[in-house]
Amino acid sequence: MSQLAEFLVGTAVIVAPQTGLPCCLALALGKSAVNLSKRRKAKAKRKDTETTGKEAAKPEKVTLSWADVNCIITSKKGDKKQLLQNLHGTAKPGR
């Protein structure tokens, strides 16, 4: 994992509980920011290869998977509510 990715994920884990944002949502936002950064770099690299005539590298396909994801929130009154319980799944490349 790149330094930027580690920074964003770490920040999400620290800041999310303080703002009331569920950790799983904060992590997803952090990872989305990392992916956006990677796509921008890849796009810039493609533009460079178009001008130099060199062949651009194909982007790497990634499959994301998660298991046993739980999210419990606590209200100001102290009531607990479980939003996610033992959630699992995968996200494959493509549409």
Protein backbone atom coordinates (compact mmCIF):
# COMPACT_ATOMS: atom_id res chain seq x y z
CA MET A 1 0.00 0.00 0.00
CA SER A 2 1.38 3.39 -0.90
CA GLN A 3 2.18 6.04 1.68
CA LEU A 4 -0.78 8.12 0.50
CA ALA A 5 -3.13 5.15 0.92
CA GLU A 6 -1.79 4.42 4.40
CA PHE A 7 -2.20 8.07 5.37
CA LEU A 8 -5.79 8.27 4.09
CA VAL A 9 -6.87 5.01 5.72
CA GLY A 10 -5.21 5.97 9.01
CA THR A 11 -6.85 9.38 8.95
CA ALA A 12 -10.24 7.82 8.26
CA VAL A 13 -9.90 5.46 11.22
CA ILE A 14 -8.94 8.31 13.57
CA VAL A 15 -11.36 10.99 12.34
CA ALA A 16 -14.46 8.86 11.65
CA PRO A 17 -15.42 8.10 15.28
CA GLN A 18 -14.94 11.76 16.25
CA THR A 19 -17.33 12.96 13.54
CA GLY A 20 -19.93 10.23 13.97
CA LEU A 21 -19.17 8.82 10.52
CA PRO A 22 -19.22 4.99 10.43
CA CYS A 23 -15.68 3.62 10.07
CA CYS A 24 -16.60 1.43 7.10
CA LEU A 25 -17.87 4.47 5.21
CA ALA A 26 -14.79 6.51 6.11
CA LEU A 27 -12.50 3.71 4.90
CA ALA A 28 -14.43 3.44 1.65
CA LEU A 29 -14.08 7.19 1.08
CA GLY A 30 -10.36 7.03 1.82
CA LYS A 31 -9.83 4.17 -0.60
CA SER A 32 -11.89 5.97 -3.24
CA ALA A 33 -9.58 8.96 -2.93
CA VAL A 34 -6.57 6.69 -3.42
CA ASN A 35 -8.15 5.09 -6.49
CA LEU A 36 -8.95 8.51 -7.94
CA SER A 37 -5.34 9.54 -7.48
CA LYS A 38 -4.16 6.37 -9.23
CA ARG A 39 -6.55 6.94 -12.15
CA ARG A 40 -5.34 10.52 -12.57
CA LYS A 41 -1.72 9.36 -12.62
CA ALA A 42 -2.58 6.64 -15.16
CA LYS A 43 -4.38 9.16 -17.36
CA ALA A 44 -1.38 11.52 -17.25
CA LYS A 45 0.90 8.62 -18.11
CA ARG A 46 -1.29 7.68 -21.10
CA LYS A 47 -1.06 11.26 -22.36
CA ASP A 48 2.73 11.10 -22.04
CA THR A 49 2.92 7.85 -23.99
CA GLU A 50 0.67 9.26 -26.72
CA THR A 51 3.12 12.10 -27.29
CA THR A 52 6.25 9.92 -27.07
CA GLY A 53 4.86 7.04 -29.14
CA LYS A 54 5.63 4.39 -26.50
CA GLU A 55 2.99 1.82 -25.69
CA ALA A 56 1.03 2.46 -22.50
CA ALA A 57 0.88 -0.24 -19.83
CA LYS A 58 -2.50 -1.88 -19.28
CA PRO A 59 -4.12 -1.01 -15.93
CA GLU A 60 -4.08 -3.75 -13.35
CA LYS A 61 -7.47 -5.30 -12.60
CA VAL A 62 -8.26 -5.63 -8.91
CA THR A 63 -10.96 -7.58 -7.11
CA LEU A 64 -12.00 -6.24 -3.71
CA SER A 65 -13.44 -8.54 -1.09
CA TRP A 66 -14.61 -8.09 2.48
CA ALA A 67 -15.90 -10.39 5.20
CA ASP A 68 -17.40 -10.06 8.69
CA VAL A 69 -17.92 -6.29 8.46
CA ASN A 70 -19.88 -4.90 11.40
CA CYS A 71 -20.87 -1.34 12.23
CA ILE A 72 -22.55 -0.27 15.46
CA ILE A 73 -23.36 3.36 16.23
CA THR A 74 -24.14 4.90 19.58
CA SER A 75 -26.50 7.85 19.88
CA LYS A 76 -25.94 10.77 22.23
CA LYS A 77 -28.48 9.16 24.57
CA GLY A 78 -26.36 6.00 24.73
CA ASP A 79 -28.61 3.84 22.57
CA LYS A 80 -26.74 1.42 20.31
CA LYS A 81 -27.90 0.51 16.82
CA GLN A 82 -26.26 -2.06 14.57
CA LEU A 83 -26.13 -0.88 10.95
CA LEU A 84 -24.13 -3.76 9.49
CA GLN A 85 -23.89 -7.31 10.80
CA ASN A 86 -21.41 -9.88 9.46
CA LEU A 87 -21.49 -8.34 5.99
CA HIS A 88 -19.40 -9.98 3.26
CA GLY A 89 -19.02 -9.60 -0.48
CA THR A 90 -16.80 -8.92 -3.47
CA ALA A 91 -16.46 -6.26 -6.14
CA LYS A 92 -14.95 -7.44 -9.42
CA PRO A 93 -13.50 -5.24 -12.18
CA GLY A 94 -15.79 -4.11 -14.95
CA ARG A 95 -19.42 -3.13 -14.83
